[in-house]
Amino acid sequence: MRNLVSWTAVAEPQVKHFSGTATHSKDVEAPESRFRPGRRHSLDLGVVPDIAEVKANGKSVGMAWMPLYQVDVTGALRSG
């Protein structure tokens, strides 16, 4: 599956009726110029239908379960 979709929208019964936890990961590169003193960085998750725990560089940075579905990731980011 190339795009994130609701499991209930998937035709395969073993996916459609799955109850549990899933993990999604994405690599993002940021140039050194983005890391200025005092600058904050947030991750916008779009819409989260249930709840999401966000980790950046292996560090748990927060949970999202209500709008705006954003998490401050400033303390966990590094350039590269």
PDB file of N, CA and C in Angstrom:
ATOM      1  N   MET A   1       0.848  -1.167   0.000  1.00  0.00           N
ATOM      2  CA  MET A   1       0.000   0.000   0.000  1.00  0.00           C
ATOM      3  C   MET A   1       0.898   1.234   0.000  1.00  0.00           C
ATOM      4  N   ARG A   2       0.707   2.138  -0.953  1.00  0.00           N
ATOM      5  CA  ARG A   2       1.576   3.303  -1.101  1.00  0.00           C
ATOM      6  C   ARG A   2       1.095   4.518  -0.308  1.00  0.00           C
ATOM      7  N   ASN A   3      -0.192   4.606  -0.040  1.00  0.00           N
ATOM      8  CA  ASN A   3      -0.747   5.752   0.667  1.00  0.00           C
ATOM      9  C   ASN A   3      -1.393   5.311   1.971  1.00  0.00           C
ATOM     10  N   LEU A   4      -1.370   6.215   2.946  1.00  0.00           N
ATOM     11  CA  LEU A   4      -2.067   5.920   4.195  1.00  0.00           C
ATOM     12  C   LEU A   4      -3.567   6.064   3.974  1.00  0.00           C
ATOM     13  N   VAL A   5      -4.314   5.052   4.354  1.00  0.00           N
ATOM     14  CA  VAL A   5      -5.773   5.082   4.259  1.00  0.00           C
ATOM     15  C   VAL A   5      -6.349   4.435   5.511  1.00  0.00           C
ATOM     16  N   SER A   6      -7.597   4.680   5.759  1.00  0.00           N
ATOM     17  CA  SER A   6      -8.274   4.018   6.868  1.00  0.00           C
ATOM     18  C   SER A   6      -8.326   2.519   6.598  1.00  0.00           C
ATOM     19  N   TRP A   7      -8.040   1.721   7.617  1.00  0.00           N
ATOM     20  CA  TRP A   7      -8.090   0.276   7.443  1.00  0.00           C
ATOM     21  C   TRP A   7      -9.478  -0.182   7.007  1.00  0.00           C
ATOM     22  N   THR A   8     -10.517   0.517   7.415  1.00  0.00           N
ATOM     23  CA  THR A   8     -11.872   0.116   7.035  1.00  0.00           C
ATOM     24  C   THR A   8     -12.129   0.316   5.549  1.00  0.00           C
ATOM     25  N   ALA A   9     -11.265   1.065   4.860  1.00  0.00           N
ATOM     26  CA  ALA A   9     -11.420   1.295   3.420  1.00  0.00           C
ATOM     27  C   ALA A   9     -10.691   0.248   2.578  1.00  0.00           C
ATOM     28  N   VAL A  10      -9.980  -0.660   3.220  1.00  0.00           N
ATOM     29  CA  VAL A  10      -9.203  -1.684   2.522  1.00  0.00           C
ATOM     30  C   VAL A  10     -10.071  -2.921   2.297  1.00  0.00           C
ATOM     31  N   ALA A  11      -9.971  -3.510   1.112  1.00  0.00           N
ATOM     32  CA  ALA A  11     -10.827  -4.645   0.749  1.00  0.00           C
ATOM     33  C   ALA A  11     -10.470  -5.941   1.489  1.00  0.00           C
ATOM     34  N   GLU A  12      -9.187  -6.178   1.755  1.00  0.00           N
ATOM     35  CA  GLU A  12      -8.780  -7.431   2.388  1.00  0.00           C
ATOM     36  C   GLU A  12      -9.316  -7.512   3.819  1.00  0.00           C
ATOM     37  N   PRO A  13     -10.074  -8.586   4.150  1.00  0.00           N
ATOM     38  CA  PRO A  13     -10.684  -8.712   5.484  1.00  0.00           C
ATOM     39  C   PRO A  13      -9.668  -8.673   6.629  1.00  0.00           C
ATOM     40  N   GLN A  14      -8.466  -9.246   6.416  1.00  0.00           N
ATOM     41  CA  GLN A  14      -7.471  -9.268   7.482  1.00  0.00           C
ATOM     42  C   GLN A  14      -6.948  -7.861   7.805  1.00  0.00           C
ATOM     43  N   VAL A  15      -7.089  -6.935   6.882  1.00  0.00           N
ATOM     44  CA  VAL A  15      -6.711  -5.538   7.122  1.00  0.00           C
ATOM     45  C   VAL A  15      -7.934  -4.746   7.564  1.00  0.00           C
ATOM     46  N   LYS A  16      -9.017  -4.903   6.846  1.00  0.00           N
ATOM     47  CA  LYS A  16     -10.243  -4.132   7.102  1.00  0.00           C
ATOM     48  C   LYS A  16     -10.729  -4.257   8.544  1.00  0.00           C
ATOM     49  N   HIS A  17     -10.569  -5.435   9.137  1.00  0.00           N
ATOM     50  CA  HIS A  17     -11.087  -5.681  10.482  1.00  0.00           C
ATOM     51  C   HIS A  17      -9.977  -5.770  11.534  1.00  0.00           C
ATOM     52  N   PHE A  18      -8.781  -5.297  11.183  1.00  0.00           N
ATOM     53  CA  PHE A  18      -7.660  -5.338  12.117  1.00  0.00           C
ATOM     54  C   PHE A  18      -7.922  -4.420  13.304  1.00  0.00           C
ATOM     55  N   SER A  19      -7.582  -4.889  14.470  1.00  0.00           N
ATOM     56  CA  SER A  19      -7.689  -4.085  15.684  1.00  0.00           C
ATOM     57  C   SER A  19      -6.344  -4.158  16.392  1.00  0.00           C
ATOM     58  N   GLY A  20      -5.655  -3.055  16.455  1.00  0.00           N
ATOM     59  CA  GLY A  20      -4.347  -3.066  17.088  1.00  0.00           C
ATOM     60  C   GLY A  20      -3.587  -1.800  16.769  1.00  0.00           C
ATOM     61  N   THR A  21      -2.292  -1.906  16.815  1.00  0.00           N
ATOM     62  CA  THR A  21      -1.405  -0.767  16.621  1.00  0.00           C
ATOM     63  C   THR A  21      -0.653  -0.916  15.310  1.00  0.00           C
ATOM     64  N   ALA A  22      -0.465   0.195  14.635  1.00  0.00           N
ATOM     65  CA  ALA A  22       0.320   0.209  13.400  1.00  0.00           C
ATOM     66  C   ALA A  22       1.404   1.272  13.532  1.00  0.00           C
ATOM     67  N   THR A  23       2.451   1.105  12.744  1.00  0.00           N
ATOM     68  CA  THR A  23       3.554   2.058  12.737  1.00  0.00           C
ATOM     69  C   THR A  23       3.754   2.573  11.326  1.00  0.00           C
ATOM     70  N   HIS A  24       3.936   3.880  11.222  1.00  0.00           N
ATOM     71  CA  HIS A  24       4.254   4.514   9.941  1.00  0.00           C
ATOM     72  C   HIS A  24       5.506   5.339  10.165  1.00  0.00           C
ATOM     73  N   SER A  25       6.422   5.286   9.233  1.00  0.00           N
ATOM     74  CA  SER A  25       7.636   6.085   9.379  1.00  0.00           C
ATOM     75  C   SER A  25       7.920   6.838   8.093  1.00  0.00           C
ATOM     76  N   LYS A  26       8.611   7.957   8.240  1.00  0.00           N
ATOM     77  CA  LYS A  26       8.948   8.790   7.086  1.00  0.00           C
ATOM     78  C   LYS A  26      10.274   9.472   7.385  1.00  0.00           C
ATOM     79  N   ASP A  27      11.195   9.401   6.440  1.00  0.00           N
ATOM     80  CA  ASP A  27      12.465  10.102   6.569  1.00  0.00           C
ATOM     81  C   ASP A  27      12.322  11.484   5.952  1.00  0.00           C
ATOM     82  N   VAL A  28      12.828  12.478   6.659  1.00  0.00           N
ATOM     83  CA  VAL A  28      12.779  13.858   6.190  1.00  0.00           C
ATOM     84  C   VAL A  28      14.155  14.458   6.404  1.00  0.00           C
ATOM     85  N   GLU A  29      14.654  15.154   5.403  1.00  0.00           N
ATOM     86  CA  GLU A  29      15.946  15.820   5.542  1.00  0.00           C
ATOM     87  C   GLU A  29      15.735  17.312   5.692  1.00  0.00           C
ATOM     88  N   ALA A  30      16.498  17.918   6.606  1.00  0.00           N
ATOM     89  CA  ALA A  30      16.396  19.356   6.852  1.00  0.00           C
ATOM     90  C   ALA A  30      17.785  19.970   6.771  1.00  0.00           C
ATOM     91  N   PRO A  31      17.931  21.048   6.011  1.00  0.00           N
ATOM     92  CA  PRO A  31      19.239  21.699   5.908  1.00  0.00           C
ATOM     93  C   PRO A  31      19.600  22.433   7.201  1.00  0.00           C
ATOM     94  N   GLU A  32      20.872  22.608   7.417  1.00  0.00           N
ATOM     95  CA  GLU A  32      21.389  23.299   8.603  1.00  0.00           C
ATOM     96  C   GLU A  32      20.764  24.684   8.764  1.00  0.00           C
ATOM     97  N   SER A  33      20.444  25.351   7.658  1.00  0.00           N
ATOM     98  CA  SER A  33      19.888  26.712   7.705  1.00  0.00           C
ATOM     99  C   SER A  33      18.534  26.776   8.419  1.00  0.00           C
ATOM    100  N   ARG A  34      17.843  25.664   8.560  1.00  0.00           N
ATOM    101  CA  ARG A  34      16.548  25.635   9.256  1.00  0.00           C
ATOM    102  C   ARG A  34      16.693  25.699  10.777  1.00  0.00           C
ATOM    103  N   PHE A  35      17.892  25.458  11.272  1.00  0.00           N
ATOM    104  CA  PHE A  35      18.113  25.342  12.710  1.00  0.00           C
ATOM    105  C   PHE A  35      18.753  26.603  13.286  1.00  0.00           C
ATOM    106  N   ARG A  36      17.962  27.666  13.335  1.00  0.00           N
ATOM    107  CA  ARG A  36      18.423  28.924  13.918  1.00  0.00           C
ATOM    108  C   ARG A  36      18.021  28.982  15.389  1.00  0.00           C
ATOM    109  N   PRO A  37      18.808  29.652  16.215  1.00  0.00           N
ATOM    110  CA  PRO A  37      18.465  29.763  17.639  1.00  0.00           C
ATOM    111  C   PRO A  37      17.063  30.343  17.834  1.00  0.00           C
ATOM    112  N   GLY A  38      16.287  29.726  18.699  1.00  0.00           N
ATOM    113  CA  GLY A  38      14.941  30.200  19.017  1.00  0.00           C
ATOM    114  C   GLY A  38      13.857  29.751  18.051  1.00  0.00           C
ATOM    115  N   ARG A  39      14.225  29.122  16.961  1.00  0.00           N
ATOM    116  CA  ARG A  39      13.229  28.665  15.980  1.00  0.00           C
ATOM    117  C   ARG A  39      12.598  27.362  16.448  1.00  0.00           C
ATOM    118  N   ARG A  40      11.273  27.274  16.374  1.00  0.00           N
ATOM    119  CA  ARG A  40      10.515  26.087  16.761  1.00  0.00           C
ATOM    120  C   ARG A  40      10.096  25.325  15.499  1.00  0.00           C
ATOM    121  N   HIS A  41       9.950  24.016  15.630  1.00  0.00           N
ATOM    122  CA  HIS A  41       9.540  23.160  14.513  1.00  0.00           C
ATOM    123  C   HIS A  41       8.385  22.274  14.958  1.00  0.00           C
ATOM    124  N   SER A  42       7.316  22.266  14.170  1.00  0.00           N
ATOM    125  CA  SER A  42       6.150  21.432  14.445  1.00  0.00           C
ATOM    126  C   SER A  42       5.933  20.462  13.303  1.00  0.00           C
ATOM    127  N   LEU A  43       5.400  19.311  13.630  1.00  0.00           N
ATOM    128  CA  LEU A  43       5.020  18.322  12.635  1.00  0.00           C
ATOM    129  C   LEU A  43       3.506  18.321  12.548  1.00  0.00           C
ATOM    130  N   ASP A  44       2.980  18.600  11.361  1.00  0.00           N
ATOM    131  CA  ASP A  44       1.536  18.606  11.116  1.00  0.00           C
ATOM    132  C   ASP A  44       1.154  17.240  10.574  1.00  0.00           C
ATOM    133  N   LEU A  45       0.305  16.514  11.294  1.00  0.00           N
ATOM    134  CA  LEU A  45      -0.073  15.154  10.920  1.00  0.00           C
ATOM    135  C   LEU A  45      -1.287  15.089  10.001  1.00  0.00           C
ATOM    136  N   GLY A  46      -1.837  16.225   9.640  1.00  0.00           N
ATOM    137  CA  GLY A  46      -3.070  16.200   8.857  1.00  0.00           C
ATOM    138  C   GLY A  46      -4.227  15.880   9.779  1.00  0.00           C
ATOM    139  N   VAL A  47      -5.023  14.874   9.438  1.00  0.00           N
ATOM    140  CA  VAL A  47      -6.137  14.450  10.289  1.00  0.00           C
ATOM    141  C   VAL A  47      -5.795  13.090  10.884  1.00  0.00           C
ATOM    142  N   VAL A  48      -5.944  12.968  12.181  1.00  0.00           N
ATOM    143  CA  VAL A  48      -5.694  11.708  12.877  1.00  0.00           C
ATOM    144  C   VAL A  48      -7.042  11.171  13.343  1.00  0.00           C
ATOM    145  N   PRO A  49      -7.507  10.037  12.776  1.00  0.00           N
ATOM    146  CA  PRO A  49      -8.835   9.548  13.132  1.00  0.00           C
ATOM    147  C   PRO A  49      -8.938   8.994  14.552  1.00  0.00           C
ATOM    148  N   ASP A  50      -7.838   8.573  15.137  1.00  0.00           N
ATOM    149  CA  ASP A  50      -7.875   8.031  16.496  1.00  0.00           C
ATOM    150  C   ASP A  50      -6.840   8.760  17.350  1.00  0.00           C
ATOM    151  N   ILE A  51      -5.659   8.186  17.465  1.00  0.00           N
ATOM    152  CA  ILE A  51      -4.588   8.795  18.254  1.00  0.00           C
ATOM    153  C   ILE A  51      -3.252   8.426  17.628  1.00  0.00           C
ATOM    154  N   ALA A  52      -2.284   9.323  17.719  1.00  0.00           N
ATOM    155  CA  ALA A  52      -0.960   9.059  17.172  1.00  0.00           C
ATOM    156  C   ALA A  52       0.103   9.453  18.187  1.00  0.00           C
ATOM    157  N   GLU A  53       1.063   8.564  18.395  1.00  0.00           N
ATOM    158  CA  GLU A  53       2.250   8.909  19.164  1.00  0.00           C
ATOM    159  C   GLU A  53       3.319   9.259  18.146  1.00  0.00           C
ATOM    160  N   VAL A  54       4.004  10.372  18.352  1.00  0.00           N
ATOM    161  CA  VAL A  54       5.009  10.838  17.403  1.00  0.00           C
ATOM    162  C   VAL A  54       6.393  10.684  18.018  1.00  0.00           C
ATOM    163  N   LYS A  55       7.289  10.086  17.229  1.00  0.00           N
ATOM    164  CA  LYS A  55       8.688   9.967  17.614  1.00  0.00           C
ATOM    165  C   LYS A  55       9.523  10.623  16.519  1.00  0.00           C
ATOM    166  N   ALA A  56      10.560  11.327  16.932  1.00  0.00           N
ATOM    167  CA  ALA A  56      11.491  11.937  15.987  1.00  0.00           C
ATOM    168  C   ALA A  56      12.898  11.537  16.415  1.00  0.00           C
ATOM    169  N   ASN A  57      13.631  10.931  15.502  1.00  0.00           N
ATOM    170  CA  ASN A  57      14.975  10.429  15.796  1.00  0.00           C
ATOM    171  C   ASN A  57      14.978   9.527  17.028  1.00  0.00           C
ATOM    172  N   GLY A  58      13.955   8.689  17.139  1.00  0.00           N
ATOM    173  CA  GLY A  58      13.864   7.710  18.212  1.00  0.00           C
ATOM    174  C   GLY A  58      13.366   8.256  19.544  1.00  0.00           C
ATOM    175  N   LYS A  59      13.080   9.550  19.604  1.00  0.00           N
ATOM    176  CA  LYS A  59      12.637  10.183  20.852  1.00  0.00           C
ATOM    177  C   LYS A  59      11.139  10.471  20.778  1.00  0.00           C
ATOM    178  N   SER A  60      10.382  10.035  21.784  1.00  0.00           N
ATOM    179  CA  SER A  60       8.952  10.332  21.829  1.00  0.00           C
ATOM    180  C   SER A  60       8.779  11.825  22.088  1.00  0.00           C
ATOM    181  N   VAL A  61       8.025  12.498  21.206  1.00  0.00           N
ATOM    182  CA  VAL A  61       7.868  13.955  21.314  1.00  0.00           C
ATOM    183  C   VAL A  61       6.432  14.377  21.599  1.00  0.00           C
ATOM    184  N   GLY A  62       5.492  13.444  21.600  1.00  0.00           N
ATOM    185  CA  GLY A  62       4.131  13.822  21.942  1.00  0.00           C
ATOM    186  C   GLY A  62       3.080  12.938  21.311  1.00  0.00           C
ATOM    187  N   MET A  63       1.835  13.240  21.673  1.00  0.00           N
ATOM    188  CA  MET A  63       0.671  12.512  21.171  1.00  0.00           C
ATOM    189  C   MET A  63      -0.242  13.513  20.482  1.00  0.00           C
ATOM    190  N   ALA A  64      -0.973  13.034  19.474  1.00  0.00           N
ATOM    191  CA  ALA A  64      -1.960  13.870  18.783  1.00  0.00           C
ATOM    192  C   ALA A  64      -3.261  13.099  18.713  1.00  0.00           C
ATOM    193  N   TRP A  65      -4.347  13.707  19.169  1.00  0.00           N
ATOM    194  CA  TRP A  65      -5.663  13.050  19.132  1.00  0.00           C
ATOM    195  C   TRP A  65      -6.794  14.036  18.871  1.00  0.00           C
ATOM    196  N   MET A  66      -6.465  15.310  18.703  1.00  0.00           N
ATOM    197  CA  MET A  66      -7.487  16.318  18.449  1.00  0.00           C
ATOM    198  C   MET A  66      -6.888  17.416  17.581  1.00  0.00           C
ATOM    199  N   PRO A  67      -7.757  18.165  16.859  1.00  0.00           N
ATOM    200  CA  PRO A  67      -7.228  19.233  16.012  1.00  0.00           C
ATOM    201  C   PRO A  67      -6.389  20.196  16.841  1.00  0.00           C
ATOM    202  N   LEU A  68      -5.384  20.585  16.343  1.00  0.00           N
ATOM    203  CA  LEU A  68      -4.786  20.775  15.061  1.00  0.00           C
ATOM    204  C   LEU A  68      -3.921  19.604  14.615  1.00  0.00           C
ATOM    205  N   TYR A  69      -3.795  18.560  15.378  1.00  0.00           N
ATOM    206  CA  TYR A  69      -2.982  17.385  15.049  1.00  0.00           C
ATOM    207  C   TYR A  69      -1.538  17.776  14.724  1.00  0.00           C
ATOM    208  N   GLN A  70      -0.960  18.605  15.563  1.00  0.00           N
ATOM    209  CA  GLN A  70       0.428  19.028  15.410  1.00  0.00           C
ATOM    210  C   GLN A  70       1.197  18.720  16.683  1.00  0.00           C
ATOM    211  N   VAL A  71       2.472  18.389  16.500  1.00  0.00           N
ATOM    212  CA  VAL A  71       3.335  18.086  17.628  1.00  0.00           C
ATOM    213  C   VAL A  71       4.628  18.878  17.463  1.00  0.00           C
ATOM    214  N   ASP A  72       5.084  19.513  18.546  1.00  0.00           N
ATOM    215  CA  ASP A  72       6.344  20.247  18.524  1.00  0.00           C
ATOM    216  C   ASP A  72       7.480  19.234  18.565  1.00  0.00           C
ATOM    217  N   VAL A  73       8.331  19.236  17.539  1.00  0.00           N
ATOM    218  CA  VAL A  73       9.429  18.276  17.440  1.00  0.00           C
ATOM    219  C   VAL A  73      10.799  18.953  17.575  1.00  0.00           C
ATOM    220  N   THR A  74      10.812  20.205  17.997  1.00  0.00           N
ATOM    221  CA  THR A  74      12.037  21.005  18.045  1.00  0.00           C
ATOM    222  C   THR A  74      13.167  20.297  18.787  1.00  0.00           C
ATOM    223  N   GLY A  75      12.905  19.789  19.969  1.00  0.00           N
ATOM    224  CA  GLY A  75      13.960  19.188  20.783  1.00  0.00           C
ATOM    225  C   GLY A  75      14.533  17.888  20.262  1.00  0.00           C
ATOM    226  N   ALA A  76      13.874  17.265  19.309  1.00  0.00           N
ATOM    227  CA  ALA A  76      14.323  15.972  18.803  1.00  0.00           C
ATOM    228  C   ALA A  76      14.975  16.046  17.418  1.00  0.00           C
ATOM    229  N   LEU A  77      14.928  17.209  16.793  1.00  0.00           N
ATOM    230  CA  LEU A  77      15.453  17.321  15.438  1.00  0.00           C
ATOM    231  C   LEU A  77      16.948  17.573  15.429  1.00  0.00           C
ATOM    232  N   ARG A  78      17.573  17.175  14.299  1.00  0.00           N
ATOM    233  CA  ARG A  78      18.968  17.481  14.039  1.00  0.00           C
ATOM    234  C   ARG A  78      19.117  17.684  12.539  1.00  0.00           C
ATOM    235  N   SER A  79      20.102  18.427  12.140  1.00  0.00           N
ATOM    236  CA  SER A  79      20.264  18.707  10.701  1.00  0.00           C
ATOM    237  C   SER A  79      20.714  17.447   9.971  1.00  0.00           C
ATOM    238  N   GLY A  80      20.405  17.423   8.677  1.00  0.00           N
ATOM    239  CA  GLY A  80      20.799  16.292   7.839  1.00  0.00           C
ATOM    240  C   GLY A  80      19.627  15.501   7.359  1.00  0.00           C
TER     241      GLY A  80
END
